[in-house]
N, C-alpha and C. Protein backbone atom coordinates (compact mmCIF):
# COMPACT_ATOMS: atom_id res chain seq x y z
N MET A 1 -48.54 3.67 15.42
CA MET A 1 -47.96 3.07 14.34
C MET A 1 -46.97 4.05 13.93
N THR A 2 -45.97 4.39 13.67
CA THR A 2 -45.10 5.26 12.81
C THR A 2 -44.95 4.68 11.32
N ALA A 3 -45.48 5.00 10.28
CA ALA A 3 -44.99 4.71 8.81
C ALA A 3 -43.76 4.71 8.79
N THR A 4 -42.70 4.40 8.34
CA THR A 4 -41.52 4.16 7.36
C THR A 4 -41.32 4.34 6.40
N THR A 5 -40.77 5.01 5.42
CA THR A 5 -40.88 4.69 3.80
C THR A 5 -39.43 4.29 3.33
N LEU A 6 -39.44 3.71 2.75
CA LEU A 6 -38.08 3.17 2.47
C LEU A 6 -37.63 3.76 1.10
N THR A 7 -36.49 4.84 1.32
CA THR A 7 -35.83 5.76 0.19
C THR A 7 -35.07 4.77 -0.54
N GLN A 8 -34.70 4.96 -1.91
CA GLN A 8 -33.69 3.92 -2.64
C GLN A 8 -32.47 4.85 -2.47
N THR A 9 -31.05 4.28 -2.14
CA THR A 9 -30.26 4.60 -1.92
C THR A 9 -29.21 4.26 -2.90
N TYR A 10 -27.79 5.13 -3.03
CA TYR A 10 -26.99 4.23 -4.46
C TYR A 10 -26.11 4.04 -2.59
N ASN A 11 -25.59 4.00 -2.03
CA ASN A 11 -24.94 3.15 -0.89
C ASN A 11 -24.75 1.67 -1.84
N LEU A 12 -25.32 0.34 -2.00
CA LEU A 12 -24.77 -0.82 -2.65
C LEU A 12 -24.12 -0.62 -3.32
N SER A 13 -24.30 0.10 -4.45
CA SER A 13 -23.57 0.76 -5.70
C SER A 13 -22.24 1.08 -5.73
N ALA A 14 -22.22 2.20 -4.37
CA ALA A 14 -20.93 3.04 -4.19
C ALA A 14 -20.00 1.91 -3.66
N TYR A 15 -20.63 0.81 -2.72
CA TYR A 15 -19.81 -0.77 -2.41
C TYR A 15 -19.27 -1.37 -3.51
N ILE A 16 -20.10 -1.38 -4.39
CA ILE A 16 -19.69 -2.53 -5.47
C ILE A 16 -18.70 -1.63 -6.44
N ILE A 17 -18.49 -0.52 -6.79
CA ILE A 17 -17.59 0.22 -7.52
C ILE A 17 -16.44 0.73 -6.70
N TYR A 18 -16.45 1.03 -4.91
CA TYR A 18 -15.32 1.20 -4.65
C TYR A 18 -14.38 0.09 -4.30
N LEU A 19 -14.93 -1.29 -4.07
CA LEU A 19 -14.18 -2.26 -3.40
C LEU A 19 -13.11 -2.35 -4.69
N PRO A 20 -13.74 -2.92 -5.86
CA PRO A 20 -12.52 -3.75 -6.88
C PRO A 20 -11.75 -2.59 -7.44
N ILE A 21 -12.04 -0.92 -7.39
CA ILE A 21 -11.22 -0.25 -7.55
C ILE A 21 -9.86 0.25 -6.66
N VAL A 22 -10.19 0.13 -5.56
CA VAL A 22 -8.77 0.71 -4.25
C VAL A 22 -8.39 -1.37 -3.81
N ILE A 23 -8.61 -2.32 -4.31
CA ILE A 23 -8.02 -3.46 -4.73
C ILE A 23 -7.29 -3.66 -5.80
N THR A 24 -7.42 -2.87 -6.73
CA THR A 24 -6.60 -2.95 -7.70
C THR A 24 -5.95 -2.07 -7.71
N LEU A 25 -6.03 -0.58 -7.34
CA LEU A 25 -5.05 0.22 -7.12
C LEU A 25 -3.36 -0.46 -5.93
N THR A 26 -4.24 -1.27 -5.08
CA THR A 26 -3.53 -1.85 -4.34
C THR A 26 -2.22 -2.60 -4.67
N VAL A 27 -3.09 -3.67 -5.72
CA VAL A 27 -2.44 -4.69 -6.29
C VAL A 27 -1.26 -3.95 -7.69
N LEU A 28 -2.00 -3.23 -8.02
CA LEU A 28 -0.86 -2.24 -8.85
C LEU A 28 -0.13 -2.16 -8.52
N VAL A 29 -0.10 -1.36 -7.12
CA VAL A 29 1.07 0.09 -6.84
C VAL A 29 2.46 -1.11 -6.22
N SER A 30 0.93 -2.25 -5.26
CA SER A 30 2.10 -3.57 -4.62
C SER A 30 2.47 -4.01 -5.85
N GLN A 31 2.34 -4.80 -6.98
CA GLN A 31 3.55 -5.28 -7.97
C GLN A 31 4.44 -4.27 -8.43
N PHE A 32 3.95 -2.85 -8.46
CA PHE A 32 5.43 -1.67 -9.46
C PHE A 32 6.36 -2.58 -8.31
N LEU A 33 6.04 -1.47 -7.37
CA LEU A 33 7.00 -1.39 -5.86
C LEU A 33 8.16 -2.54 -5.32
N PHE A 34 7.27 -3.37 -5.40
CA PHE A 34 8.07 -4.71 -4.95
C PHE A 34 8.98 -5.30 -6.07
N LYS A 35 8.52 -5.18 -7.53
CA LYS A 35 9.04 -5.39 -8.43
C LYS A 35 10.30 -5.06 -8.80
N ASN A 36 10.19 -3.79 -8.57
CA ASN A 36 11.11 -2.59 -8.54
C ASN A 36 12.40 -2.60 -7.36
N SER A 37 11.86 -3.39 -6.15
CA SER A 37 12.66 -3.09 -4.90
C SER A 37 13.89 -4.21 -4.76
N LYS A 38 13.72 -5.44 -5.67
CA LYS A 38 14.38 -6.45 -5.63
C LYS A 38 15.73 -5.92 -5.29
N THR A 39 16.05 -5.05 -6.40
CA THR A 39 17.95 -4.66 -6.49
C THR A 39 17.99 -4.25 -5.57
N PHE A 40 17.26 -3.36 -4.66
CA PHE A 40 17.31 -3.37 -3.09
C PHE A 40 17.66 -4.21 -2.16
N MET A 41 16.96 -4.97 -2.27
CA MET A 41 16.87 -5.91 -1.41
C MET A 41 18.02 -6.95 -1.68
N ILE A 42 18.07 -7.27 -2.99
CA ILE A 42 19.71 -8.15 -3.08
C ILE A 42 20.80 -7.48 -2.25
N ASP A 43 20.81 -6.03 -2.61
CA ASP A 43 21.77 -4.97 -2.52
C ASP A 43 21.87 -5.24 -0.68
N ILE A 44 20.87 -4.87 -0.07
CA ILE A 44 20.81 -4.73 1.52
C ILE A 44 21.36 -6.30 1.95
N PHE A 45 21.27 -7.39 0.91
CA PHE A 45 21.19 -8.31 1.88
C PHE A 45 22.35 -9.45 1.40
N HIS A 46 23.47 -8.35 0.69
CA HIS A 46 24.74 -8.54 0.26
C HIS A 46 24.75 -9.65 -1.16
N GLN A 47 23.73 -9.48 -2.17
CA GLN A 47 23.79 -10.15 -3.24
C GLN A 47 23.22 -11.84 -2.52
N LYS A 48 22.87 -11.86 -1.03
CA LYS A 48 21.92 -13.25 -1.15
C LYS A 48 20.61 -13.27 -1.42
N GLN A 49 20.00 -13.85 -2.55
CA GLN A 49 19.14 -14.02 -3.33
C GLN A 49 18.01 -14.04 -2.57
N ASP A 50 17.98 -15.57 -1.91
CA ASP A 50 17.02 -16.19 -1.42
C ASP A 50 16.14 -15.46 -0.27
N ILE A 51 17.57 -15.02 0.98
CA ILE A 51 16.47 -14.10 1.59
C ILE A 51 15.96 -12.76 1.62
N ALA A 52 16.90 -12.22 0.35
CA ALA A 52 15.90 -10.89 -0.30
C ALA A 52 15.19 -10.97 -0.77
N MET A 53 14.49 -12.28 -1.86
CA MET A 53 13.18 -12.35 -2.34
C MET A 53 12.37 -12.46 -1.24
N ALA A 54 12.71 -14.25 0.01
CA ALA A 54 11.70 -13.82 0.78
C ALA A 54 11.59 -12.50 1.71
N THR A 55 12.34 -11.50 2.07
CA THR A 55 12.56 -10.58 2.70
C THR A 55 10.99 -9.87 1.89
N ASN A 56 10.90 -9.86 0.30
CA ASN A 56 10.88 -8.53 -0.08
C ASN A 56 9.40 -9.42 -0.56
N SER A 57 9.03 -10.97 -0.28
CA SER A 57 7.82 -11.47 -0.23
C SER A 57 7.02 -11.04 0.76
N LEU A 58 7.69 -11.03 2.26
CA LEU A 58 7.03 -10.47 3.47
C LEU A 58 6.45 -9.02 3.58
N PHE A 59 7.40 -8.32 3.17
CA PHE A 59 6.89 -6.66 2.98
C PHE A 59 6.02 -6.99 1.72
N LYS A 60 5.60 -7.63 0.92
CA LYS A 60 4.46 -7.53 -0.25
C LYS A 60 3.70 -8.06 0.54
N ILE A 61 3.26 -8.98 1.19
CA ILE A 61 2.01 -9.19 1.79
C ILE A 61 1.44 -8.57 3.59
N GLY A 62 2.66 -7.92 3.97
CA GLY A 62 2.26 -6.71 4.58
C GLY A 62 1.80 -5.22 4.31
N PHE A 63 2.22 -5.15 2.59
CA PHE A 63 1.85 -4.15 2.34
C PHE A 63 0.14 -4.32 2.13
N TYR A 64 0.14 -5.63 1.26
CA TYR A 64 -1.12 -5.44 1.13
C TYR A 64 -1.96 -5.96 2.42
N LEU A 65 -1.97 -6.48 3.40
CA LEU A 65 -2.20 -6.50 4.83
C LEU A 65 -2.86 -5.00 4.86
N LEU A 66 -2.14 -4.12 5.27
CA LEU A 66 -2.07 -2.81 5.82
C LEU A 66 -3.10 -2.37 5.04
N ASN A 67 -3.25 -2.64 3.40
CA ASN A 67 -3.91 -1.08 2.16
C ASN A 67 -5.21 -1.89 2.57
N ILE A 68 -5.33 -2.90 2.20
CA ILE A 68 -6.35 -3.36 2.15
C ILE A 68 -7.64 -3.15 3.45
N GLY A 69 -6.41 -3.65 4.71
CA GLY A 69 -6.98 -3.45 5.80
C GLY A 69 -7.92 -2.10 5.61
N PHE A 70 -6.85 -1.20 5.38
CA PHE A 70 -7.67 0.30 5.56
C PHE A 70 -8.68 0.47 4.40
N ALA A 71 -9.05 0.48 3.24
CA ALA A 71 -9.83 0.16 2.50
C ALA A 71 -10.86 0.06 2.92
N LEU A 72 -11.10 -1.54 3.82
CA LEU A 72 -12.17 -2.03 4.23
C LEU A 72 -12.37 -1.14 5.56
N CYS A 73 -11.72 -0.66 6.41
CA CYS A 73 -12.51 0.40 7.45
C CYS A 73 -12.43 1.48 7.17
N ILE A 74 -12.05 1.90 6.25
CA ILE A 74 -12.91 3.06 5.62
C ILE A 74 -14.18 3.38 4.62
N ILE A 75 -14.40 2.07 4.33
CA ILE A 75 -15.65 1.46 3.20
C ILE A 75 -16.80 2.64 3.46
N GLU A 76 -17.54 2.73 4.76
CA GLU A 76 -18.48 3.32 5.10
C GLU A 76 -18.92 4.64 4.44
N PHE A 77 -20.04 4.27 3.60
CA PHE A 77 -20.57 5.37 2.90
C PHE A 77 -22.15 5.79 3.86
N PHE A 78 -22.80 6.99 3.85
CA PHE A 78 -23.68 7.56 4.30
C PHE A 78 -24.89 7.90 3.36
N GLN A 79 -25.98 7.51 3.29
CA GLN A 79 -27.08 8.12 2.83
C GLN A 79 -27.28 9.00 1.45
N ILE A 80 -26.34 7.88 0.54
CA ILE A 80 -26.09 8.88 -0.97
C ILE A 80 -27.82 8.41 -1.88
N GLU A 81 -28.00 9.90 -1.82
CA GLU A 81 -29.66 9.57 -2.38
C GLU A 81 -29.43 10.15 -3.83
N THR A 82 -28.11 10.80 -4.52
CA THR A 82 -28.57 11.39 -5.80
C THR A 82 -26.94 10.51 -6.47
N VAL A 83 -26.96 10.12 -7.81
CA VAL A 83 -25.65 10.21 -8.63
C VAL A 83 -24.85 11.14 -8.47
N GLU A 84 -25.35 12.39 -8.13
CA GLU A 84 -23.82 13.18 -7.61
C GLU A 84 -23.59 13.13 -7.14
N LYS A 85 -23.93 12.75 -5.99
CA LYS A 85 -23.59 12.42 -4.20
C LYS A 85 -22.82 11.14 -4.29
N LEU A 86 -23.27 10.10 -4.77
CA LEU A 86 -22.53 9.21 -5.35
C LEU A 86 -21.04 9.04 -5.76
N VAL A 87 -20.88 10.18 -7.00
CA VAL A 87 -19.80 10.43 -7.93
C VAL A 87 -18.83 11.18 -6.39
N VAL A 88 -19.28 12.06 -5.47
CA VAL A 88 -18.93 13.03 -4.74
C VAL A 88 -18.01 11.88 -4.02
N ALA A 89 -18.92 11.18 -3.33
CA ALA A 89 -18.67 10.50 -2.49
C ALA A 89 -17.15 9.28 -2.80
N LEU A 90 -17.52 9.05 -3.82
CA LEU A 90 -16.88 8.14 -4.14
C LEU A 90 -15.39 8.50 -4.36
N SER A 91 -15.41 9.57 -4.96
CA SER A 91 -13.60 10.53 -5.52
C SER A 91 -13.33 10.91 -4.12
N LYS A 92 -14.07 10.99 -2.87
CA LYS A 92 -13.76 11.32 -1.74
C LYS A 92 -12.66 10.40 -1.12
N LYS A 93 -13.53 9.19 -0.65
CA LYS A 93 -13.19 8.12 -0.69
C LYS A 93 -11.99 7.25 -1.53
N ILE A 94 -11.88 7.37 -2.46
CA ILE A 94 -10.87 6.92 -3.56
C ILE A 94 -9.75 7.75 -3.69
N GLY A 95 -9.89 9.24 -3.84
CA GLY A 95 -9.01 9.56 -3.80
C GLY A 95 -8.41 9.90 -2.26
N GLY A 96 -8.88 9.91 -1.29
CA GLY A 96 -8.17 9.54 -0.20
C GLY A 96 -7.88 8.43 0.19
N PHE A 97 -8.13 7.30 -0.10
CA PHE A 97 -6.90 6.27 -0.35
C PHE A 97 -5.92 6.12 -0.97
N SER A 98 -6.19 6.60 -2.61
CA SER A 98 -5.04 6.99 -3.26
C SER A 98 -3.75 7.50 -2.70
N ILE A 99 -4.10 8.58 -1.45
CA ILE A 99 -3.12 9.79 -1.02
C ILE A 99 -2.46 8.67 -0.17
N TYR A 100 -3.56 8.01 0.43
CA TYR A 100 -2.97 6.88 1.71
C TYR A 100 -2.00 6.23 0.95
N LEU A 101 -2.19 5.78 -0.48
CA LEU A 101 -1.48 4.21 -0.90
C LEU A 101 -0.07 5.05 -1.02
N GLY A 102 -0.22 6.46 -1.29
CA GLY A 102 0.91 7.33 -2.28
C GLY A 102 2.34 7.54 -1.08
N VAL A 103 1.43 7.62 0.11
CA VAL A 103 2.65 8.06 1.43
C VAL A 103 2.76 6.17 2.24
N MET A 104 1.91 5.48 1.54
CA MET A 104 2.88 4.23 2.14
C MET A 104 4.28 3.68 1.06
N MET A 105 3.43 3.95 0.08
CA MET A 105 4.92 3.50 -1.24
C MET A 105 5.83 4.32 -0.77
N LEU A 106 5.66 5.84 -0.39
CA LEU A 106 6.86 6.54 -0.27
C LEU A 106 7.39 5.74 1.27
N LEU A 107 6.87 5.64 2.33
CA LEU A 107 7.51 4.51 3.23
C LEU A 107 8.03 3.58 2.72
N ASN A 108 7.65 2.52 2.30
CA ASN A 108 8.13 1.43 1.87
C ASN A 108 9.72 1.88 1.11
N LEU A 109 9.54 2.63 -0.09
CA LEU A 109 10.62 2.86 -0.48
C LEU A 109 11.81 3.86 0.36
N LEU A 110 11.42 4.58 1.68
CA LEU A 110 12.28 4.82 2.29
C LEU A 110 12.58 3.62 3.18
N LEU A 111 11.77 2.96 3.78
CA LEU A 111 12.49 1.79 4.82
C LEU A 111 13.57 1.17 3.40
N PHE A 112 13.49 0.95 2.07
CA PHE A 112 14.51 0.22 1.48
C PHE A 112 16.03 1.26 1.10
N LEU A 113 15.67 2.06 1.24
CA LEU A 113 16.58 3.19 0.96
C LEU A 113 17.72 2.83 2.17
N LYS A 114 16.92 3.26 3.61
CA LYS A 114 17.50 3.12 4.41
C LYS A 114 18.32 2.07 5.02
N GLY A 115 17.96 0.69 4.57
CA GLY A 115 18.28 -0.72 3.88
C GLY A 115 19.24 -0.69 3.65
N ARG A 116 19.58 -0.30 2.33
CA ARG A 116 20.34 -0.08 1.73
C ARG A 116 21.88 0.59 2.20
N LYS A 117 21.82 1.72 2.84
CA LYS A 117 22.64 3.01 3.57
C LYS A 117 23.01 2.27 4.81
N HIS A 118 22.49 1.73 5.12
CA HIS A 118 22.92 0.79 6.78
C HIS A 118 23.71 -0.23 6.17
N ALA A 119 23.11 -1.26 4.70
CA ALA A 119 24.28 -2.31 4.58
C ALA A 119 25.62 -1.26 4.05
N THR A 120 25.31 -0.59 3.34
CA THR A 120 26.17 0.39 2.55
C THR A 120 27.42 0.77 3.41
N ASN A 121 27.10 1.04 4.85
CA ASN A 121 27.55 1.55 6.01
C ASN A 121 28.41 0.03 6.62
N LYS A 122 27.75 -0.36 6.64
CA LYS A 122 28.46 -1.85 7.46
C LYS A 122 29.47 -2.61 6.22
N ASP A 123 29.86 -2.33 5.64
CA ASP A 123 29.99 -2.88 4.05
C ASP A 123 31.46 -2.04 4.48
N LYS A 124 31.44 -0.58 4.28
CA LYS A 124 32.66 0.25 4.61
C LYS A 124 33.49 -0.12 5.77
N ILE A 125 32.66 -0.05 7.06
CA ILE A 125 32.89 -0.64 8.39
C ILE A 125 34.04 -2.16 8.71
N ILE A 126 33.17 -2.81 8.04
CA ILE A 126 34.05 -4.35 7.57
C ILE A 126 35.03 -4.36 6.70
N HIS A 127 35.03 -3.68 5.62
CA HIS A 127 36.22 -2.74 4.45
C HIS A 127 37.48 -2.41 5.46
N GLU A 128 37.40 -1.72 6.16
CA GLU A 128 38.01 -0.71 7.07
C GLU A 128 38.72 -1.13 7.74
N GLU A 129 37.76 -2.09 8.36
CA GLU A 129 38.69 -3.36 9.69
C GLU A 129 39.73 -4.01 9.11
N ILE A 130 39.85 -4.73 7.94
CA ILE A 130 40.00 -5.33 7.35
C ILE A 130 41.20 -5.08 6.40
N ILE A 131 41.16 -3.65 6.63
CA ILE A 131 42.54 -2.58 6.00
C ILE A 131 43.37 -2.75 7.08
N GLY A 132 42.99 -2.29 7.91
CA GLY A 132 43.53 -1.69 9.60
C GLY A 132 44.28 -3.03 10.07
N SER A 133 43.66 -4.04 9.47
CA SER A 133 43.92 -5.05 10.36
C SER A 133 45.90 -5.62 9.86
């Protein structure tokens, strides 16, 4: 028979620290992004606040699902035996997730800007058609 020795790892501590941080980061970025995107949405949907706010809420839910889902997919930590390794592992995971979250925020901003540009171009075409008639 082989004897297995149980060694204490800091993996549970890593999970307990990691989850609240990434969820809090996601919520804060989401609230900031979608609070400030209301103006874009109202402009994109030609001052129709009801559809603009509904679409903004859907974007917000999608943002939560994508980012929290990704955070859960990358949660795995491997054999953390020392506090130093715990700090390094958490720094890499949370830092990587922060970079990912920043990229996602910029992609959402680009979507809002593209939607606004499309709405503005559509308004110009309609205005030119009215004047040309």
